């Protein structure tokens, strides 16, 4: 793992959503997925109860089926006025513009979830 010389503040203040920059055609090595899961397991949990397990889905047909379910559920969510990210007024032109960028990014992922080279699903 390559470590960058970032302070915690730098790390937390520079990370942005990258949904629209995902490369759906590039495979992800198993070792990288393991490393990401290991890092995710370092997050706090209630009562330090680390019972989380993960399923990694690589089969194209299964990813497509999961992606279709996600797309359908996201479609329902996107119709919920006042709940859906795109329907919330943030109270200012700049804030609303930022909200719209987040919305189009989330919509993009809603449409493309099943195209990812691997899906990592957390199970409890």
N, C-alpha and C. Protein backbone atom coordinates (compact mmCIF):
# COMPACT_ATOMS: atom_id res chain seq x y z
N UNK A 1 0.84 -1.17 0.00
CA UNK A 1 0.00 0.00 0.00
C UNK A 1 0.89 1.23 0.00
N UNK A 2 0.56 2.18 -0.87
CA UNK A 2 1.29 3.44 -0.93
C UNK A 2 0.65 4.42 0.04
N UNK A 3 1.43 4.95 0.96
CA UNK A 3 0.92 5.92 1.92
C UNK A 3 1.27 7.32 1.45
N UNK A 4 0.30 8.20 1.47
CA UNK A 4 0.52 9.59 1.11
C UNK A 4 0.79 10.40 2.37
N UNK A 5 1.62 11.42 2.27
CA UNK A 5 1.95 12.23 3.44
C UNK A 5 0.85 13.25 3.75
N UNK A 6 -0.33 12.76 4.13
CA UNK A 6 -1.46 13.64 4.42
C UNK A 6 -1.78 13.61 5.91
N UNK A 7 -2.14 14.76 6.44
CA UNK A 7 -2.64 14.80 7.81
C UNK A 7 -4.09 14.31 7.78
N UNK A 8 -4.63 13.90 8.91
CA UNK A 8 -6.05 13.50 8.92
C UNK A 8 -6.96 14.60 8.38
N UNK A 9 -6.69 15.86 8.72
CA UNK A 9 -7.51 16.96 8.22
C UNK A 9 -7.44 17.06 6.70
N UNK A 10 -6.24 16.90 6.13
CA UNK A 10 -6.10 16.95 4.68
C UNK A 10 -6.86 15.79 4.03
N UNK A 11 -6.71 14.63 4.58
CA UNK A 11 -7.38 13.46 4.03
C UNK A 11 -8.89 13.64 4.03
N UNK A 12 -9.43 14.09 5.15
CA UNK A 12 -10.88 14.21 5.28
C UNK A 12 -11.45 15.41 4.53
N UNK A 13 -10.63 16.40 4.25
CA UNK A 13 -11.16 17.59 3.58
C UNK A 13 -10.90 17.60 2.08
N UNK A 14 -10.18 16.63 1.55
CA UNK A 14 -9.90 16.62 0.11
C UNK A 14 -10.57 15.46 -0.62
N UNK A 15 -11.16 14.54 0.10
CA UNK A 15 -11.81 13.40 -0.55
C UNK A 15 -13.16 13.83 -1.09
N UNK A 16 -13.42 13.56 -2.34
CA UNK A 16 -14.68 13.89 -2.98
C UNK A 16 -15.25 12.64 -3.65
N UNK A 17 -16.54 12.70 -3.95
CA UNK A 17 -17.17 11.60 -4.66
C UNK A 17 -16.53 11.47 -6.05
N UNK A 18 -16.34 10.25 -6.47
CA UNK A 18 -15.69 10.01 -7.76
C UNK A 18 -16.55 9.13 -8.66
N UNK A 19 -17.85 9.14 -8.44
CA UNK A 19 -18.74 8.24 -9.18
C UNK A 19 -18.57 8.35 -10.69
N UNK A 20 -18.51 9.57 -11.20
CA UNK A 20 -18.45 9.76 -12.65
C UNK A 20 -17.07 9.47 -13.23
N UNK A 21 -16.09 9.25 -12.38
CA UNK A 21 -14.74 8.93 -12.85
C UNK A 21 -14.40 7.46 -12.71
N UNK A 22 -15.38 6.65 -12.34
CA UNK A 22 -15.13 5.21 -12.21
C UNK A 22 -14.81 4.61 -13.57
N UNK A 23 -13.86 3.71 -13.60
CA UNK A 23 -13.49 3.00 -14.83
C UNK A 23 -14.15 1.62 -14.77
N UNK A 24 -15.27 1.49 -15.44
CA UNK A 24 -16.04 0.25 -15.39
C UNK A 24 -15.39 -0.88 -16.19
N UNK A 25 -14.38 -0.55 -16.99
CA UNK A 25 -13.73 -1.56 -17.83
C UNK A 25 -12.45 -2.12 -17.22
N UNK A 26 -11.99 -1.54 -16.14
CA UNK A 26 -10.73 -1.98 -15.53
C UNK A 26 -11.03 -2.95 -14.39
N UNK A 27 -10.37 -4.09 -14.40
CA UNK A 27 -10.58 -5.06 -13.33
C UNK A 27 -9.93 -4.56 -12.03
N UNK A 28 -10.41 -5.11 -10.93
CA UNK A 28 -9.88 -4.74 -9.62
C UNK A 28 -9.26 -5.99 -9.01
N UNK A 29 -7.97 -5.97 -8.70
CA UNK A 29 -7.32 -7.15 -8.13
C UNK A 29 -7.93 -7.54 -6.78
N UNK A 30 -7.98 -8.84 -6.53
CA UNK A 30 -8.51 -9.35 -5.26
C UNK A 30 -7.80 -8.72 -4.07
N UNK A 31 -6.49 -8.57 -4.17
CA UNK A 31 -5.72 -8.02 -3.06
C UNK A 31 -6.16 -6.59 -2.72
N UNK A 32 -6.48 -5.80 -3.73
CA UNK A 32 -6.94 -4.44 -3.48
C UNK A 32 -8.31 -4.45 -2.79
N UNK A 33 -9.18 -5.35 -3.20
CA UNK A 33 -10.48 -5.47 -2.53
C UNK A 33 -10.29 -5.88 -1.08
N UNK A 34 -9.42 -6.85 -0.83
CA UNK A 34 -9.13 -7.26 0.55
C UNK A 34 -8.61 -6.09 1.38
N UNK A 35 -7.72 -5.32 0.80
CA UNK A 35 -7.14 -4.17 1.50
C UNK A 35 -8.22 -3.14 1.84
N UNK A 36 -9.12 -2.89 0.91
CA UNK A 36 -10.21 -1.94 1.16
C UNK A 36 -11.14 -2.44 2.25
N UNK A 37 -11.46 -3.73 2.23
CA UNK A 37 -12.32 -4.31 3.27
C UNK A 37 -11.61 -4.24 4.62
N UNK A 38 -10.33 -4.56 4.65
CA UNK A 38 -9.57 -4.47 5.91
C UNK A 38 -9.60 -3.05 6.47
N UNK A 39 -9.44 -2.06 5.60
CA UNK A 39 -9.48 -0.67 6.05
C UNK A 39 -10.88 -0.30 6.54
N UNK A 40 -11.90 -0.76 5.84
CA UNK A 40 -13.28 -0.47 6.26
C UNK A 40 -13.57 -1.07 7.63
N UNK A 41 -12.97 -2.19 7.93
CA UNK A 41 -13.20 -2.85 9.22
C UNK A 41 -12.55 -2.09 10.38
N UNK A 42 -11.73 -1.10 10.08
CA UNK A 42 -11.10 -0.30 11.13
C UNK A 42 -12.04 0.78 11.66
N UNK A 43 -13.17 0.97 11.00
CA UNK A 43 -14.10 2.01 11.45
C UNK A 43 -14.78 1.58 12.75
N UNK A 44 -15.24 2.55 13.52
CA UNK A 44 -15.89 2.21 14.79
C UNK A 44 -17.18 1.43 14.58
N UNK A 45 -17.50 0.58 15.53
CA UNK A 45 -18.77 -0.14 15.50
C UNK A 45 -19.34 -0.15 16.91
N UNK A 46 -20.65 -0.23 17.00
CA UNK A 46 -21.31 -0.24 18.30
C UNK A 46 -20.84 -1.40 19.15
N UNK A 47 -20.43 -1.13 20.36
CA UNK A 47 -19.94 -2.15 21.30
C UNK A 47 -18.76 -2.95 20.75
N UNK A 48 -18.05 -2.37 19.78
CA UNK A 48 -16.94 -3.05 19.13
C UNK A 48 -17.36 -4.42 18.59
N UNK A 49 -18.58 -4.47 18.09
CA UNK A 49 -19.17 -5.70 17.58
C UNK A 49 -18.84 -5.85 16.10
N UNK A 50 -17.76 -6.53 15.81
CA UNK A 50 -17.28 -6.69 14.43
C UNK A 50 -17.81 -7.98 13.81
N UNK A 51 -19.11 -8.02 13.58
CA UNK A 51 -19.70 -9.23 12.99
C UNK A 51 -19.95 -9.08 11.50
N UNK A 52 -19.44 -8.02 10.91
CA UNK A 52 -19.65 -7.76 9.50
C UNK A 52 -18.93 -8.79 8.64
N UNK A 53 -19.62 -9.23 7.61
CA UNK A 53 -19.02 -10.09 6.60
C UNK A 53 -19.26 -9.44 5.25
N UNK A 54 -18.47 -9.80 4.27
CA UNK A 54 -18.57 -9.18 2.96
C UNK A 54 -18.68 -10.25 1.89
N UNK A 55 -19.49 -9.96 0.89
CA UNK A 55 -19.61 -10.81 -0.29
C UNK A 55 -19.09 -9.99 -1.46
N UNK A 56 -18.16 -10.57 -2.21
CA UNK A 56 -17.63 -9.92 -3.40
C UNK A 56 -18.25 -10.61 -4.61
N UNK A 57 -18.93 -9.82 -5.43
CA UNK A 57 -19.61 -10.36 -6.61
C UNK A 57 -18.83 -9.94 -7.85
N UNK A 58 -18.30 -10.91 -8.56
CA UNK A 58 -17.55 -10.65 -9.79
C UNK A 58 -18.27 -11.16 -11.04
N UNK A 59 -19.15 -12.13 -10.88
CA UNK A 59 -19.87 -12.71 -12.01
C UNK A 59 -20.70 -11.62 -12.71
N UNK A 60 -20.50 -11.47 -14.02
CA UNK A 60 -21.13 -10.38 -14.77
C UNK A 60 -22.66 -10.44 -14.71
N UNK A 61 -23.23 -11.63 -14.85
CA UNK A 61 -24.69 -11.75 -14.82
C UNK A 61 -25.25 -11.39 -13.45
N UNK A 62 -24.57 -11.81 -12.40
CA UNK A 62 -25.03 -11.49 -11.04
C UNK A 62 -24.88 -10.00 -10.75
N UNK A 63 -23.78 -9.41 -11.20
CA UNK A 63 -23.60 -7.96 -11.02
C UNK A 63 -24.69 -7.19 -11.76
N UNK A 64 -25.01 -7.65 -12.97
CA UNK A 64 -26.06 -6.99 -13.75
C UNK A 64 -27.41 -7.10 -13.05
N UNK A 65 -27.71 -8.28 -12.48
CA UNK A 65 -28.99 -8.48 -11.78
C UNK A 65 -29.06 -7.59 -10.54
N UNK A 66 -27.98 -7.53 -9.78
CA UNK A 66 -27.93 -6.67 -8.59
C UNK A 66 -28.06 -5.21 -9.02
N UNK A 67 -27.37 -4.85 -10.09
CA UNK A 67 -27.44 -3.48 -10.60
C UNK A 67 -28.85 -3.10 -11.02
N UNK A 68 -29.58 -4.04 -11.61
CA UNK A 68 -30.96 -3.78 -12.02
C UNK A 68 -31.85 -3.55 -10.80
N UNK A 69 -31.68 -4.36 -9.77
CA UNK A 69 -32.45 -4.16 -8.53
C UNK A 69 -32.12 -2.79 -7.94
N UNK A 70 -30.84 -2.45 -7.90
CA UNK A 70 -30.43 -1.15 -7.37
C UNK A 70 -31.04 -0.03 -8.20
N UNK A 71 -31.01 -0.17 -9.54
CA UNK A 71 -31.56 0.86 -10.43
C UNK A 71 -33.05 1.05 -10.16
N UNK A 72 -33.79 -0.05 -10.00
CA UNK A 72 -35.22 0.05 -9.74
C UNK A 72 -35.49 0.73 -8.39
N UNK A 73 -34.75 0.34 -7.37
CA UNK A 73 -34.93 0.96 -6.04
C UNK A 73 -34.55 2.43 -6.07
N UNK A 74 -33.47 2.74 -6.77
CA UNK A 74 -33.05 4.14 -6.88
C UNK A 74 -34.12 4.94 -7.62
N UNK A 75 -34.75 4.34 -8.61
CA UNK A 75 -35.83 5.01 -9.33
C UNK A 75 -36.99 5.37 -8.41
N UNK A 76 -37.34 4.47 -7.51
CA UNK A 76 -38.40 4.74 -6.53
C UNK A 76 -37.95 5.87 -5.61
N UNK A 77 -36.73 5.77 -5.10
CA UNK A 77 -36.18 6.80 -4.22
C UNK A 77 -36.20 8.17 -4.90
N UNK A 78 -35.87 8.21 -6.19
CA UNK A 78 -35.77 9.50 -6.89
C UNK A 78 -37.12 10.18 -7.06
N UNK A 79 -38.19 9.45 -6.81
CA UNK A 79 -39.54 10.04 -6.90
C UNK A 79 -40.02 10.60 -5.56
N UNK A 80 -39.26 10.43 -4.50
CA UNK A 80 -39.67 10.85 -3.17
C UNK A 80 -39.32 12.32 -2.94
N UNK A 81 -40.28 13.18 -3.18
CA UNK A 81 -40.06 14.61 -3.01
C UNK A 81 -39.75 14.93 -1.55
N UNK A 82 -38.71 15.72 -1.34
CA UNK A 82 -38.31 16.09 0.01
C UNK A 82 -37.37 15.09 0.66
N UNK A 83 -37.19 13.94 0.04
CA UNK A 83 -36.28 12.92 0.55
C UNK A 83 -35.13 12.74 -0.44
N UNK A 84 -35.48 12.64 -1.73
CA UNK A 84 -34.50 12.46 -2.80
C UNK A 84 -33.54 13.65 -2.81
N UNK A 85 -32.27 13.35 -2.93
CA UNK A 85 -31.23 14.38 -2.89
C UNK A 85 -31.50 15.51 -3.88
N UNK A 86 -32.08 15.18 -5.04
CA UNK A 86 -32.32 16.20 -6.06
C UNK A 86 -33.52 17.09 -5.79
N UNK A 87 -34.35 16.74 -4.81
CA UNK A 87 -35.56 17.53 -4.55
C UNK A 87 -35.43 18.43 -3.33
N UNK A 88 -34.27 18.47 -2.73
CA UNK A 88 -34.08 19.24 -1.50
C UNK A 88 -33.48 20.61 -1.83
N UNK A 89 -34.15 21.66 -1.40
CA UNK A 89 -33.65 23.02 -1.59
C UNK A 89 -32.64 23.30 -0.48
N UNK A 90 -31.42 23.58 -0.87
CA UNK A 90 -30.35 23.82 0.11
C UNK A 90 -30.29 25.28 0.57
N UNK A 91 -31.15 26.14 0.01
CA UNK A 91 -31.26 27.50 0.53
C UNK A 91 -30.30 28.51 -0.06
N UNK A 92 -29.85 28.31 -1.25
CA UNK A 92 -28.97 29.28 -1.89
C UNK A 92 -28.51 28.77 -3.23
N UNK A 93 -28.19 29.69 -4.13
CA UNK A 93 -27.82 29.31 -5.49
C UNK A 93 -26.59 28.41 -5.53
N UNK A 94 -25.54 28.78 -4.82
CA UNK A 94 -24.31 27.98 -4.83
C UNK A 94 -24.54 26.61 -4.21
N UNK A 95 -25.26 26.58 -3.09
CA UNK A 95 -25.53 25.30 -2.42
C UNK A 95 -26.42 24.42 -3.29
N UNK A 96 -27.40 25.03 -3.96
CA UNK A 96 -28.27 24.24 -4.84
C UNK A 96 -27.51 23.71 -6.05
N UNK A 97 -26.57 24.50 -6.57
CA UNK A 97 -25.74 24.04 -7.70
C UNK A 97 -24.89 22.85 -7.27
N UNK A 98 -24.30 22.93 -6.08
CA UNK A 98 -23.51 21.80 -5.57
C UNK A 98 -24.40 20.58 -5.37
N UNK A 99 -25.60 20.81 -4.85
CA UNK A 99 -26.55 19.71 -4.65
C UNK A 99 -26.89 19.06 -5.99
N UNK A 100 -27.07 19.87 -7.04
CA UNK A 100 -27.40 19.33 -8.36
C UNK A 100 -26.25 18.49 -8.90
N UNK A 101 -25.01 18.91 -8.67
CA UNK A 101 -23.86 18.11 -9.12
C UNK A 101 -23.85 16.77 -8.39
N UNK A 102 -24.12 16.78 -7.10
CA UNK A 102 -24.19 15.53 -6.34
C UNK A 102 -25.32 14.64 -6.86
N UNK A 103 -26.43 15.27 -7.20
CA UNK A 103 -27.58 14.52 -7.71
C UNK A 103 -27.25 13.82 -9.02
N UNK A 104 -26.65 14.55 -9.96
CA UNK A 104 -26.34 13.91 -11.25
C UNK A 104 -25.31 12.80 -11.08
N UNK A 105 -24.40 12.97 -10.14
CA UNK A 105 -23.41 11.93 -9.85
C UNK A 105 -24.09 10.69 -9.26
N UNK A 106 -25.00 10.89 -8.32
CA UNK A 106 -25.73 9.76 -7.73
C UNK A 106 -26.62 9.08 -8.76
N UNK A 107 -27.27 9.88 -9.62
CA UNK A 107 -28.10 9.31 -10.68
C UNK A 107 -27.26 8.44 -11.62
N UNK A 108 -26.07 8.93 -11.94
CA UNK A 108 -25.16 8.19 -12.81
C UNK A 108 -24.84 6.82 -12.22
N UNK A 109 -24.50 6.79 -10.93
CA UNK A 109 -24.18 5.52 -10.28
C UNK A 109 -25.42 4.63 -10.21
N UNK A 110 -26.58 5.22 -10.00
CA UNK A 110 -27.82 4.44 -9.99
C UNK A 110 -28.02 3.70 -11.30
N UNK A 111 -27.64 4.33 -12.39
CA UNK A 111 -27.78 3.70 -13.71
C UNK A 111 -26.67 2.70 -14.01
N UNK A 112 -25.50 2.85 -13.41
CA UNK A 112 -24.33 2.06 -13.80
C UNK A 112 -23.85 1.06 -12.76
N UNK A 113 -24.52 0.95 -11.62
CA UNK A 113 -24.05 0.08 -10.53
C UNK A 113 -23.66 -1.31 -11.02
N UNK A 114 -24.49 -1.92 -11.85
CA UNK A 114 -24.22 -3.28 -12.31
C UNK A 114 -23.05 -3.40 -13.26
N UNK A 115 -22.52 -2.28 -13.73
CA UNK A 115 -21.39 -2.30 -14.66
C UNK A 115 -20.04 -2.34 -13.95
N UNK A 116 -20.03 -2.17 -12.64
CA UNK A 116 -18.77 -2.18 -11.90
C UNK A 116 -18.10 -3.55 -12.04
N UNK A 117 -16.77 -3.59 -12.07
CA UNK A 117 -16.07 -4.87 -12.23
C UNK A 117 -16.22 -5.80 -11.03
N UNK A 118 -16.57 -5.25 -9.90
CA UNK A 118 -16.82 -6.05 -8.69
C UNK A 118 -17.75 -5.25 -7.79
N UNK A 119 -18.64 -5.96 -7.12
CA UNK A 119 -19.49 -5.34 -6.11
C UNK A 119 -19.12 -5.95 -4.77
N UNK A 120 -18.90 -5.11 -3.79
CA UNK A 120 -18.59 -5.58 -2.44
C UNK A 120 -19.81 -5.25 -1.58
N UNK A 121 -20.46 -6.29 -1.08
CA UNK A 121 -21.70 -6.12 -0.33
C UNK A 121 -21.45 -6.48 1.13
N UNK A 122 -21.73 -5.52 2.00
CA UNK A 122 -21.57 -5.75 3.44
C UNK A 122 -22.81 -6.48 3.97
N UNK A 123 -22.59 -7.52 4.76
CA UNK A 123 -23.68 -8.32 5.32
C UNK A 123 -23.49 -8.39 6.84
N UNK A 124 -24.59 -8.32 7.56
CA UNK A 124 -24.51 -8.46 9.02
C UNK A 124 -25.23 -9.70 9.46
